[in-house]
Full PDB file with SEQRES, HELIX, SHEET, SSBOND, CRYST1, ORIGX, SCALE, CONECT and MASTER records, all heavy atoms in Angstrom:
SEQRES   1 A   36  PHE ASP THR SER GLU ALA LEU ASP ALA HIS ARG LYS GLN          
SEQRES   2 A   36  HIS GLU GLU GLU GLY LYS THR PHE ILE TYR ASN TRP HIS          
SEQRES   3 A   36  ASN ARG LEU LYS LEU ASP ASN SER LEU ALA                      
HELIX    1 AA1 SER A    4  GLU A   16  1                                  13    
HELIX    2 AA2 ARG A   28  LYS A   30  5                                   3    
CRYST1    1.000    1.000    1.000  90.00  90.00  90.00 P 1           1          
ORIGX1      1.000000  0.000000  0.000000        0.00000                         
ORIGX2      0.000000  1.000000  0.000000        0.00000                         
ORIGX3      0.000000  0.000000  1.000000        0.00000                         
SCALE1      1.000000  0.000000  0.000000        0.00000                         
SCALE2      0.000000  1.000000  0.000000        0.00000                         
SCALE3      0.000000  0.000000  1.000000        0.00000                         
ATOM      1  N   PHE A   1      14.541 -16.600 -14.079  1.00  0.00           N  
ATOM      2  CA  PHE A   1      15.407 -16.231 -15.091  1.00  0.00           C  
ATOM      3  C   PHE A   1      16.268 -15.007 -14.857  1.00  0.00           C  
ATOM      4  O   PHE A   1      17.009 -14.503 -15.673  1.00  0.00           O  
ATOM      5  CB  PHE A   1      14.596 -16.034 -16.417  1.00  0.00           C  
ATOM      6  CG  PHE A   1      13.762 -17.159 -16.857  1.00  0.00           C  
ATOM      7  CD1 PHE A   1      12.423 -17.291 -16.562  1.00  0.00           C  
ATOM      8  CD2 PHE A   1      14.383 -18.201 -17.585  1.00  0.00           C  
ATOM      9  CE1 PHE A   1      11.633 -18.290 -16.932  1.00  0.00           C  
ATOM     10  CE2 PHE A   1      13.563 -19.352 -17.939  1.00  0.00           C  
ATOM     11  CZ  PHE A   1      12.275 -19.360 -17.587  1.00  0.00           C  
ATOM     12  N   ASP A   2      16.169 -14.468 -13.641  1.00  0.00           N  
ATOM     13  CA  ASP A   2      16.914 -13.254 -13.203  1.00  0.00           C  
ATOM     14  C   ASP A   2      18.367 -13.565 -13.438  1.00  0.00           C  
ATOM     15  O   ASP A   2      18.975 -14.486 -13.025  1.00  0.00           O  
ATOM     16  CB  ASP A   2      16.733 -13.011 -11.791  1.00  0.00           C  
ATOM     17  CG  ASP A   2      15.196 -13.104 -11.323  1.00  0.00           C  
ATOM     18  OD1 ASP A   2      14.836 -14.152 -11.065  1.00  0.00           O  
ATOM     19  OD2 ASP A   2      14.557 -12.105 -11.511  1.00  0.00           O  
ATOM     20  N   THR A   3      18.998 -12.495 -14.151  1.00  0.00           N  
ATOM     21  CA  THR A   3      20.447 -12.557 -14.349  1.00  0.00           C  
ATOM     22  C   THR A   3      21.109 -12.133 -13.020  1.00  0.00           C  
ATOM     23  O   THR A   3      20.534 -11.530 -12.247  1.00  0.00           O  
ATOM     24  CB  THR A   3      20.954 -11.637 -15.442  1.00  0.00           C  
ATOM     25  OG1 THR A   3      20.627 -10.378 -15.112  1.00  0.00           O  
ATOM     26  CG2 THR A   3      20.201 -12.024 -16.774  1.00  0.00           C  
ATOM     27  N   SER A   4      22.468 -12.576 -12.928  1.00  0.00           N  
ATOM     28  CA  SER A   4      23.161 -12.116 -11.751  1.00  0.00           C  
ATOM     29  C   SER A   4      23.284 -10.655 -11.721  1.00  0.00           C  
ATOM     30  O   SER A   4      23.309 -10.072 -10.622  1.00  0.00           O  
ATOM     31  CB  SER A   4      24.542 -12.882 -11.681  1.00  0.00           C  
ATOM     32  OG  SER A   4      25.258 -12.543 -12.882  1.00  0.00           O  
ATOM     33  N   GLU A   5      23.429 -10.062 -12.836  1.00  0.00           N  
ATOM     34  CA  GLU A   5      23.560  -8.556 -12.912  1.00  0.00           C  
ATOM     35  C   GLU A   5      22.233  -7.903 -12.421  1.00  0.00           C  
ATOM     36  O   GLU A   5      22.226  -6.939 -11.690  1.00  0.00           O  
ATOM     37  CB  GLU A   5      23.735  -8.037 -14.348  1.00  0.00           C  
ATOM     38  CG  GLU A   5      25.158  -8.362 -14.927  1.00  0.00           C  
ATOM     39  CD  GLU A   5      25.216  -9.880 -15.364  1.00  0.00           C  
ATOM     40  OE1 GLU A   5      24.197 -10.482 -15.513  1.00  0.00           O  
ATOM     41  OE2 GLU A   5      26.361 -10.406 -15.571  1.00  0.00           O  
ATOM     42  N   ALA A   6      21.068  -8.470 -12.778  1.00  0.00           N  
ATOM     43  CA  ALA A   6      19.824  -7.889 -12.345  1.00  0.00           C  
ATOM     44  C   ALA A   6      19.643  -8.075 -10.874  1.00  0.00           C  
ATOM     45  O   ALA A   6      19.179  -7.037 -10.067  1.00  0.00           O  
ATOM     46  CB  ALA A   6      18.626  -8.569 -12.995  1.00  0.00           C  
ATOM     47  N   LEU A   7      20.006  -9.196 -10.298  1.00  0.00           N  
ATOM     48  CA  LEU A   7      19.953  -9.374  -8.821  1.00  0.00           C  
ATOM     49  C   LEU A   7      20.907  -8.511  -8.092  1.00  0.00           C  
ATOM     50  O   LEU A   7      20.502  -8.058  -7.074  1.00  0.00           O  
ATOM     51  CB  LEU A   7      20.165 -10.842  -8.543  1.00  0.00           C  
ATOM     52  CG  LEU A   7      19.170 -11.975  -8.977  1.00  0.00           C  
ATOM     53  CD1 LEU A   7      19.642 -13.267  -8.763  1.00  0.00           C  
ATOM     54  CD2 LEU A   7      17.782 -11.649  -8.357  1.00  0.00           C  
ATOM     55  N   ASP A   8      22.092  -8.325  -8.622  1.00  0.00           N  
ATOM     56  CA  ASP A   8      23.037  -7.456  -7.982  1.00  0.00           C  
ATOM     57  C   ASP A   8      22.416  -6.043  -7.915  1.00  0.00           C  
ATOM     58  O   ASP A   8      22.644  -5.299  -6.921  1.00  0.00           O  
ATOM     59  CB  ASP A   8      24.352  -7.342  -8.721  1.00  0.00           C  
ATOM     60  CG  ASP A   8      25.255  -8.643  -8.500  1.00  0.00           C  
ATOM     61  OD1 ASP A   8      24.878  -9.358  -7.489  1.00  0.00           O  
ATOM     62  OD2 ASP A   8      26.123  -9.007  -9.208  1.00  0.00           O  
ATOM     63  N   ALA A   9      21.797  -5.586  -9.023  1.00  0.00           N  
ATOM     64  CA  ALA A   9      21.216  -4.224  -9.086  1.00  0.00           C  
ATOM     65  C   ALA A   9      20.103  -4.085  -7.979  1.00  0.00           C  
ATOM     66  O   ALA A   9      20.060  -3.077  -7.273  1.00  0.00           O  
ATOM     67  CB  ALA A   9      20.580  -3.970 -10.421  1.00  0.00           C  
ATOM     68  N   HIS A  10      19.405  -5.186  -7.811  1.00  0.00           N  
ATOM     69  CA  HIS A  10      18.229  -5.147  -6.762  1.00  0.00           C  
ATOM     70  C   HIS A  10      18.882  -5.044  -5.402  1.00  0.00           C  
ATOM     71  O   HIS A  10      18.455  -4.311  -4.526  1.00  0.00           O  
ATOM     72  CB  HIS A  10      17.443  -6.492  -6.884  1.00  0.00           C  
ATOM     73  CG  HIS A  10      16.382  -6.415  -7.963  1.00  0.00           C  
ATOM     74  ND1 HIS A  10      15.334  -5.499  -8.080  1.00  0.00           N  
ATOM     75  CD2 HIS A  10      16.182  -7.309  -9.090  1.00  0.00           C  
ATOM     76  CE1 HIS A  10      14.661  -5.697  -9.098  1.00  0.00           C  
ATOM     77  NE2 HIS A  10      15.139  -6.818  -9.733  1.00  0.00           N  
ATOM     78  N   ARG A  11      20.023  -5.763  -5.105  1.00  0.00           N  
ATOM     79  CA  ARG A  11      20.663  -5.741  -3.904  1.00  0.00           C  
ATOM     80  C   ARG A  11      21.204  -4.285  -3.568  1.00  0.00           C  
ATOM     81  O   ARG A  11      20.975  -3.847  -2.471  1.00  0.00           O  
ATOM     82  CB  ARG A  11      21.761  -6.790  -3.823  1.00  0.00           C  
ATOM     83  CG  ARG A  11      21.366  -8.188  -3.677  1.00  0.00           C  
ATOM     84  CD  ARG A  11      22.440  -9.239  -3.416  1.00  0.00           C  
ATOM     85  NE  ARG A  11      21.991 -10.579  -3.633  1.00  0.00           N  
ATOM     86  CZ  ARG A  11      22.108 -11.290  -4.731  1.00  0.00           C  
ATOM     87  NH1 ARG A  11      22.766 -10.708  -5.692  1.00  0.00           N  
ATOM     88  NH2 ARG A  11      21.715 -12.459  -4.883  1.00  0.00           N  
ATOM     89  N   LYS A  12      21.830  -3.788  -4.565  1.00  0.00           N  
ATOM     90  CA  LYS A  12      22.430  -2.496  -4.380  1.00  0.00           C  
ATOM     91  C   LYS A  12      21.294  -1.474  -4.037  1.00  0.00           C  
ATOM     92  O   LYS A  12      21.471  -0.558  -3.194  1.00  0.00           O  
ATOM     93  CB  LYS A  12      23.198  -2.041  -5.688  1.00  0.00           C  
ATOM     94  CG  LYS A  12      24.016  -0.908  -5.504  1.00  0.00           C  
ATOM     95  CD  LYS A  12      24.937  -0.691  -6.778  1.00  0.00           C  
ATOM     96  CE  LYS A  12      25.874   0.487  -6.554  1.00  0.00           C  
ATOM     97  NZ  LYS A  12      26.611   0.891  -7.813  1.00  0.00           N  
ATOM     98  N   GLN A  13      20.155  -1.535  -4.723  1.00  0.00           N  
ATOM     99  CA  GLN A  13      19.085  -0.577  -4.512  1.00  0.00           C  
ATOM    100  C   GLN A  13      18.480  -0.690  -3.184  1.00  0.00           C  
ATOM    101  O   GLN A  13      18.333   0.269  -2.499  1.00  0.00           O  
ATOM    102  CB  GLN A  13      17.968  -0.857  -5.621  1.00  0.00           C  
ATOM    103  CG  GLN A  13      16.853   0.236  -5.448  1.00  0.00           C  
ATOM    104  CD  GLN A  13      15.599  -0.253  -6.413  1.00  0.00           C  
ATOM    105  OE1 GLN A  13      15.862  -0.928  -7.391  1.00  0.00           O  
ATOM    106  NE2 GLN A  13      14.520   0.275  -6.076  1.00  0.00           N  
ATOM    107  N   HIS A  14      18.364  -1.971  -2.671  1.00  0.00           N  
ATOM    108  CA  HIS A  14      17.927  -2.222  -1.290  1.00  0.00           C  
ATOM    109  C   HIS A  14      18.946  -1.639  -0.300  1.00  0.00           C  
ATOM    110  O   HIS A  14      18.441  -1.003   0.743  1.00  0.00           O  
ATOM    111  CB  HIS A  14      17.695  -3.659  -1.014  1.00  0.00           C  
ATOM    112  CG  HIS A  14      16.318  -4.221  -1.550  1.00  0.00           C  
ATOM    113  ND1 HIS A  14      16.009  -4.197  -2.953  1.00  0.00           N  
ATOM    114  CD2 HIS A  14      15.314  -4.656  -0.899  1.00  0.00           C  
ATOM    115  CE1 HIS A  14      14.832  -4.655  -2.972  1.00  0.00           C  
ATOM    116  NE2 HIS A  14      14.320  -4.978  -1.776  1.00  0.00           N  
ATOM    117  N   GLU A  15      20.248  -1.800  -0.530  1.00  0.00           N  
ATOM    118  CA  GLU A  15      21.198  -1.272   0.332  1.00  0.00           C  
ATOM    119  C   GLU A  15      21.086   0.195   0.521  1.00  0.00           C  
ATOM    120  O   GLU A  15      21.292   0.796   1.586  1.00  0.00           O  
ATOM    121  CB  GLU A  15      22.655  -1.675  -0.166  1.00  0.00           C  
ATOM    122  CG  GLU A  15      23.004  -3.125   0.282  1.00  0.00           C  
ATOM    123  CD  GLU A  15      24.298  -3.639  -0.406  1.00  0.00           C  
ATOM    124  OE1 GLU A  15      25.202  -2.643  -0.733  1.00  0.00           O  
ATOM    125  OE2 GLU A  15      24.516  -4.707  -0.610  1.00  0.00           O  
ATOM    126  N   GLU A  16      20.998   0.842  -0.657  1.00  0.00           N  
ATOM    127  CA  GLU A  16      20.825   2.347  -0.654  1.00  0.00           C  
ATOM    128  C   GLU A  16      19.720   2.840   0.104  1.00  0.00           C  
ATOM    129  O   GLU A  16      19.705   3.924   0.800  1.00  0.00           O  
ATOM    130  CB  GLU A  16      20.797   2.874  -2.153  1.00  0.00           C  
ATOM    131  CG  GLU A  16      22.130   2.746  -2.815  1.00  0.00           C  
ATOM    132  CD  GLU A  16      21.988   2.920  -4.286  1.00  0.00           C  
ATOM    133  OE1 GLU A  16      20.846   3.230  -4.793  1.00  0.00           O  
ATOM    134  OE2 GLU A  16      23.033   2.922  -5.002  1.00  0.00           O  
ATOM    135  N   GLU A  17      18.545   1.931   0.235  1.00  0.00           N  
ATOM    136  CA  GLU A  17      17.412   2.340   1.004  1.00  0.00           C  
ATOM    137  C   GLU A  17      17.575   1.763   2.355  1.00  0.00           C  
ATOM    138  O   GLU A  17      16.427   1.839   3.093  1.00  0.00           O  
ATOM    139  CB  GLU A  17      16.202   1.741   0.242  1.00  0.00           C  
ATOM    140  CG  GLU A  17      15.965   2.338  -1.161  1.00  0.00           C  
ATOM    141  CD  GLU A  17      14.830   1.645  -1.915  1.00  0.00           C  
ATOM    142  OE1 GLU A  17      14.243   0.659  -1.356  1.00  0.00           O  
ATOM    143  OE2 GLU A  17      14.683   1.969  -3.139  1.00  0.00           O  
ATOM    144  N   GLY A  18      18.602   1.295   2.825  1.00  0.00           N  
ATOM    145  CA  GLY A  18      18.812   0.706   4.097  1.00  0.00           C  
ATOM    146  C   GLY A  18      18.003  -0.578   4.418  1.00  0.00           C  
ATOM    147  O   GLY A  18      17.760  -1.017   5.543  1.00  0.00           O  
ATOM    148  N   LYS A  19      17.770  -1.378   3.353  1.00  0.00           N  
ATOM    149  CA  LYS A  19      17.072  -2.628   3.358  1.00  0.00           C  
ATOM    150  C   LYS A  19      17.948  -3.867   3.002  1.00  0.00           C  
ATOM    151  O   LYS A  19      18.981  -3.531   2.235  1.00  0.00           O  
ATOM    152  CB  LYS A  19      15.841  -2.606   2.559  1.00  0.00           C  
ATOM    153  CG  LYS A  19      14.780  -1.493   2.840  1.00  0.00           C  
ATOM    154  CD  LYS A  19      13.683  -1.590   1.885  1.00  0.00           C  
ATOM    155  CE  LYS A  19      12.688  -0.381   2.060  1.00  0.00           C  
ATOM    156  NZ  LYS A  19      11.727  -0.266   0.986  1.00  0.00           N  
ATOM    157  N   THR A  20      17.561  -4.986   3.292  1.00  0.00           N  
ATOM    158  CA  THR A  20      18.161  -6.261   2.798  1.00  0.00           C  
ATOM    159  C   THR A  20      17.324  -6.902   1.759  1.00  0.00           C  
ATOM    160  O   THR A  20      16.130  -7.082   1.944  1.00  0.00           O  
ATOM    161  CB  THR A  20      18.451  -7.217   4.016  1.00  0.00           C  
ATOM    162  OG1 THR A  20      19.156  -6.603   4.990  1.00  0.00           O  
ATOM    163  CG2 THR A  20      19.220  -8.481   3.485  1.00  0.00           C  
ATOM    164  N   PHE A  21      17.924  -7.218   0.542  1.00  0.00           N  
ATOM    165  CA  PHE A  21      17.181  -7.850  -0.540  1.00  0.00           C  
ATOM    166  C   PHE A  21      16.990  -9.330  -0.157  1.00  0.00           C  
ATOM    167  O   PHE A  21      17.998 -10.134  -0.037  1.00  0.00           O  
ATOM    168  CB  PHE A  21      17.962  -7.669  -1.835  1.00  0.00           C  
ATOM    169  CG  PHE A  21      17.356  -8.425  -2.937  1.00  0.00           C  
ATOM    170  CD1 PHE A  21      16.083  -7.971  -3.594  1.00  0.00           C  
ATOM    171  CD2 PHE A  21      17.826  -9.656  -3.458  1.00  0.00           C  
ATOM    172  CE1 PHE A  21      15.463  -8.607  -4.538  1.00  0.00           C  
ATOM    173  CE2 PHE A  21      17.337 -10.168  -4.427  1.00  0.00           C  
ATOM    174  CZ  PHE A  21      16.084  -9.800  -5.018  1.00  0.00           C  
ATOM    175  N   ILE A  22      15.825  -9.756  -0.168  1.00  0.00           N  
ATOM    176  CA  ILE A  22      15.494 -11.247   0.125  1.00  0.00           C  
ATOM    177  C   ILE A  22      14.492 -11.598  -1.128  1.00  0.00           C  
ATOM    178  O   ILE A  22      13.481 -10.957  -1.346  1.00  0.00           O  
ATOM    179  CB  ILE A  22      14.727 -11.528   1.449  1.00  0.00           C  
ATOM    180  CG1 ILE A  22      15.602 -11.122   2.570  1.00  0.00           C  
ATOM    181  CG2 ILE A  22      14.428 -12.975   1.526  1.00  0.00           C  
ATOM    182  CD1 ILE A  22      14.929 -11.192   3.945  1.00  0.00           C  
ATOM    183  N   TYR A  23      14.847 -12.628  -1.801  1.00  0.00           N  
ATOM    184  CA  TYR A  23      14.033 -13.159  -2.966  1.00  0.00           C  
ATOM    185  C   TYR A  23      12.899 -14.037  -2.358  1.00  0.00           C  
ATOM    186  O   TYR A  23      13.241 -15.207  -2.018  1.00  0.00           O  
ATOM    187  CB  TYR A  23      14.858 -13.854  -3.927  1.00  0.00           C  
ATOM    188  CG  TYR A  23      14.376 -14.067  -5.425  1.00  0.00           C  
ATOM    189  CD1 TYR A  23      15.083 -13.696  -6.482  1.00  0.00           C  
ATOM    190  CD2 TYR A  23      13.115 -14.522  -5.524  1.00  0.00           C  
ATOM    191  CE1 TYR A  23      14.633 -13.883  -7.776  1.00  0.00           C  
ATOM    192  CE2 TYR A  23      12.508 -14.681  -6.943  1.00  0.00           C  
ATOM    193  CZ  TYR A  23      13.321 -14.331  -7.932  1.00  0.00           C  
ATOM    194  OH  TYR A  23      12.918 -14.453  -9.217  1.00  0.00           O  
ATOM    195  N   ASN A  24      11.753 -13.487  -2.086  1.00  0.00           N  
ATOM    196  CA  ASN A  24      10.719 -14.320  -1.568  1.00  0.00           C  
ATOM    197  C   ASN A  24       9.288 -13.737  -1.823  1.00  0.00           C  
ATOM    198  O   ASN A  24       9.118 -12.977  -2.789  1.00  0.00           O  
ATOM    199  CB  ASN A  24      10.971 -14.610  -0.047  1.00  0.00           C  
ATOM    200  CG  ASN A  24      10.709 -13.361   0.825  1.00  0.00           C  
ATOM    201  OD1 ASN A  24      10.442 -12.328   0.286  1.00  0.00           O  
ATOM    202  ND2 ASN A  24      10.951 -13.625   2.030  1.00  0.00           N  
ATOM    203  N   TRP A  25       8.256 -14.150  -1.068  1.00  0.00           N  
ATOM    204  CA  TRP A  25       6.833 -13.786  -1.345  1.00  0.00           C  
ATOM    205  C   TRP A  25       6.708 -12.285  -1.615  1.00  0.00           C  
ATOM    206  O   TRP A  25       5.788 -11.884  -2.379  1.00  0.00           O  
ATOM    207  CB  TRP A  25       5.995 -14.211  -0.158  1.00  0.00           C  
ATOM    208  CG  TRP A  25       6.407 -13.485   1.211  1.00  0.00           C  
ATOM    209  CD1 TRP A  25       7.403 -13.903   2.033  1.00  0.00           C  
ATOM    210  CD2 TRP A  25       5.891 -12.295   1.657  1.00  0.00           C  
ATOM    211  NE1 TRP A  25       7.556 -13.033   3.013  1.00  0.00           N  
ATOM    212  CE2 TRP A  25       6.660 -11.958   2.887  1.00  0.00           C  
ATOM    213  CE3 TRP A  25       4.860 -11.355   1.293  1.00  0.00           C  
ATOM    214  CZ2 TRP A  25       6.444 -10.853   3.613  1.00  0.00           C  
ATOM    215  CZ3 TRP A  25       4.729 -10.238   2.041  1.00  0.00           C  
ATOM    216  CH2 TRP A  25       5.371  -9.929   3.218  1.00  0.00           C  
ATOM    217  N   HIS A  26       7.446 -11.330  -0.861  1.00  0.00           N  
ATOM    218  CA  HIS A  26       7.176  -9.986  -1.031  1.00  0.00           C  
ATOM    219  C   HIS A  26       7.503  -9.377  -2.399  1.00  0.00           C  
ATOM    220  O   HIS A  26       7.089  -8.271  -2.718  1.00  0.00           O  
ATOM    221  CB  HIS A  26       7.650  -9.253   0.197  1.00  0.00           C  
ATOM    222  CG  HIS A  26       9.126  -8.765   0.092  1.00  0.00           C  
ATOM    223  ND1 HIS A  26      10.150  -9.673   0.230  1.00  0.00           N  
ATOM    224  CD2 HIS A  26       9.612  -7.591  -0.249  1.00  0.00           C  
ATOM    225  CE1 HIS A  26      11.369  -9.019   0.162  1.00  0.00           C  
ATOM    226  NE2 HIS A  26      11.078  -7.745  -0.234  1.00  0.00           N  
ATOM    227  N   ASN A  27       8.396  -9.960  -3.076  1.00  0.00           N  
ATOM    228  CA  ASN A  27       8.779  -9.406  -4.407  1.00  0.00           C  
ATOM    229  C   ASN A  27       8.995 -10.297  -5.547  1.00  0.00           C  
ATOM    230  O   ASN A  27       9.155  -9.862  -6.701  1.00  0.00           O  
ATOM    231  CB  ASN A  27      10.291  -8.765  -4.177  1.00  0.00           C  
ATOM    232  CG  ASN A  27      11.293  -9.737  -3.816  1.00  0.00           C  
ATOM    233  OD1 ASN A  27      11.076 -10.886  -3.781  1.00  0.00           O  
ATOM    234  ND2 ASN A  27      12.414  -9.235  -3.444  1.00  0.00           N  
ATOM    235  N   ARG A  28       8.544 -11.593  -5.348  1.00  0.00           N  
ATOM    236  CA  ARG A  28       8.797 -12.464  -6.378  1.00  0.00           C  
ATOM    237  C   ARG A  28       7.891 -12.331  -7.615  1.00  0.00           C  
ATOM    238  O   ARG A  28       8.242 -12.580  -8.810  1.00  0.00           O  
ATOM    239  CB  ARG A  28       8.667 -13.985  -5.888  1.00  0.00           C  
ATOM    240  CG  ARG A  28       7.427 -14.393  -5.228  1.00  0.00           C  
ATOM    241  CD  ARG A  28       7.579 -15.668  -4.591  1.00  0.00           C  
ATOM    242  NE  ARG A  28       6.434 -16.079  -3.799  1.00  0.00           N  
ATOM    243  CZ  ARG A  28       6.429 -16.853  -2.754  1.00  0.00           C  
ATOM    244  NH1 ARG A  28       7.593 -17.442  -2.378  1.00  0.00           N  
ATOM    245  NH2 ARG A  28       5.402 -17.140  -1.994  1.00  0.00           N  
ATOM    246  N   LEU A  29       6.703 -11.667  -7.445  1.00  0.00           N  
ATOM    247  CA  LEU A  29       5.836 -11.406  -8.530  1.00  0.00           C  
ATOM    248  C   LEU A  29       6.267 -10.244  -9.405  1.00  0.00           C  
ATOM    249  O   LEU A  29       5.728  -9.972 -10.447  1.00  0.00           O  
ATOM    250  CB  LEU A  29       4.423 -11.140  -7.978  1.00  0.00           C  
ATOM    251  CG  LEU A  29       3.600 -12.450  -7.529  1.00  0.00           C  
ATOM    252  CD1 LEU A  29       2.296 -12.059  -6.949  1.00  0.00           C  
ATOM    253  CD2 LEU A  29       3.608 -13.563  -8.475  1.00  0.00           C  
ATOM    254  N   LYS A  30       7.297  -9.512  -8.822  1.00  0.00           N  
ATOM    255  CA  LYS A  30       7.871  -8.374  -9.631  1.00  0.00           C  
ATOM    256  C   LYS A  30       9.153  -8.727 -10.378  1.00  0.00           C  
ATOM    257  O   LYS A  30       9.769  -7.856 -10.999  1.00  0.00           O  
ATOM    258  CB  LYS A  30       8.142  -7.209  -8.609  1.00  0.00           C  
ATOM    259  CG  LYS A  30       6.990  -6.778  -7.861  1.00  0.00           C  
ATOM    260  CD  LYS A  30       7.436  -5.683  -6.763  1.00  0.00           C  
ATOM    261  CE  LYS A  30       6.411  -5.436  -5.744  1.00  0.00           C  
ATOM    262  NZ  LYS A  30       6.982  -4.653  -4.622  1.00  0.00           N  
ATOM    263  N   LEU A  31       9.548  -9.931 -10.188  1.00  0.00           N  
ATOM    264  CA  LEU A  31      10.946 -10.428 -10.704  1.00  0.00           C  
ATOM    265  C   LEU A  31      10.655 -11.236 -11.897  1.00  0.00           C  
ATOM    266  O   LEU A  31       9.646 -11.607 -12.389  1.00  0.00           O  
ATOM    267  CB  LEU A  31      11.746 -11.103  -9.577  1.00  0.00           C  
ATOM    268  CG  LEU A  31      12.096 -10.174  -8.404  1.00  0.00           C  
ATOM    269  CD1 LEU A  31      12.609 -10.817  -7.221  1.00  0.00           C  
ATOM    270  CD2 LEU A  31      13.048  -9.078  -8.846  1.00  0.00           C  
ATOM    271  N   ASP A  32      11.965 -11.667 -12.577  1.00  0.00           N  
ATOM    272  CA  ASP A  32      11.767 -12.335 -13.746  1.00  0.00           C  
ATOM    273  C   ASP A  32      11.703 -13.779 -13.672  1.00  0.00           C  
ATOM    274  O   ASP A  32      12.705 -14.605 -13.706  1.00  0.00           O  
ATOM    275  CB  ASP A  32      13.054 -12.021 -14.599  1.00  0.00           C  
ATOM    276  CG  ASP A  32      13.049 -12.427 -16.070  1.00  0.00           C  
ATOM    277  OD1 ASP A  32      11.952 -12.808 -16.509  1.00  0.00           O  
ATOM    278  OD2 ASP A  32      14.053 -12.352 -16.694  1.00  0.00           O  
ATOM    279  N   ASN A  33      10.443 -14.272 -13.279  1.00  0.00           N  
ATOM    280  CA  ASN A  33      10.328 -15.735 -13.026  1.00  0.00           C  
ATOM    281  C   ASN A  33       8.903 -16.259 -13.584  1.00  0.00           C  
ATOM    282  O   ASN A  33       8.065 -15.452 -14.012  1.00  0.00           O  
ATOM    283  CB  ASN A  33      10.468 -16.047 -11.581  1.00  0.00           C  
ATOM    284  CG  ASN A  33       9.471 -15.203 -10.731  1.00  0.00           C  
ATOM    285  OD1 ASN A  33       8.254 -15.342 -10.883  1.00  0.00           O  
ATOM    286  ND2 ASN A  33      10.075 -14.341  -9.904  1.00  0.00           N  
ATOM    287  N   SER A  34       8.773 -17.547 -13.479  1.00  0.00           N  
ATOM    288  CA  SER A  34       7.508 -18.164 -14.008  1.00  0.00           C  
ATOM    289  C   SER A  34       6.293 -17.833 -13.192  1.00  0.00           C  
ATOM    290  O   SER A  34       5.208 -18.144 -13.734  1.00  0.00           O  
ATOM    291  CB  SER A  34       7.693 -19.680 -14.127  1.00  0.00           C  
ATOM    292  OG  SER A  34       7.943 -20.278 -12.828  1.00  0.00           O  
ATOM    293  N   LEU A  35       6.320 -17.224 -12.042  1.00  0.00           N  
ATOM    294  CA  LEU A  35       5.206 -16.759 -11.301  1.00  0.00           C  
ATOM    295  C   LEU A  35       4.706 -15.488 -11.895  1.00  0.00           C  
ATOM    296  O   LEU A  35       3.482 -15.165 -11.738  1.00  0.00           O  
ATOM    297  CB  LEU A  35       5.569 -16.636  -9.780  1.00  0.00           C  
ATOM    298  CG  LEU A  35       6.008 -17.964  -9.031  1.00  0.00           C  
ATOM    299  CD1 LEU A  35       6.450 -17.529  -7.610  1.00  0.00           C  
ATOM    300  CD2 LEU A  35       4.953 -18.960  -8.971  1.00  0.00           C  
ATOM    301  N   ALA A  36       5.606 -14.693 -12.334  1.00  0.00           N  
ATOM    302  CA  ALA A  36       5.249 -13.270 -12.910  1.00  0.00           C  
ATOM    303  C   ALA A  36       5.034 -13.288 -14.359  1.00  0.00           C  
ATOM    304  O   ALA A  36       4.433 -12.336 -14.965  1.00  0.00           O  
ATOM    305  CB  ALA A  36       6.393 -12.331 -12.514  1.00  0.00           C  
TER     306      ALA A  36                                                      
MASTER        0    0    0    2    0    0    0    6  305    1    0    3          
END                                                                             
């Protein structure tokens, strides 16, 4: 259910930390979805 705004914010935060945002096993339990 993540909004595009929320995903953009995650991407921006990762960029600031020098990382690439990938929606997968390492963060999906922290995001707005039926697994979490």
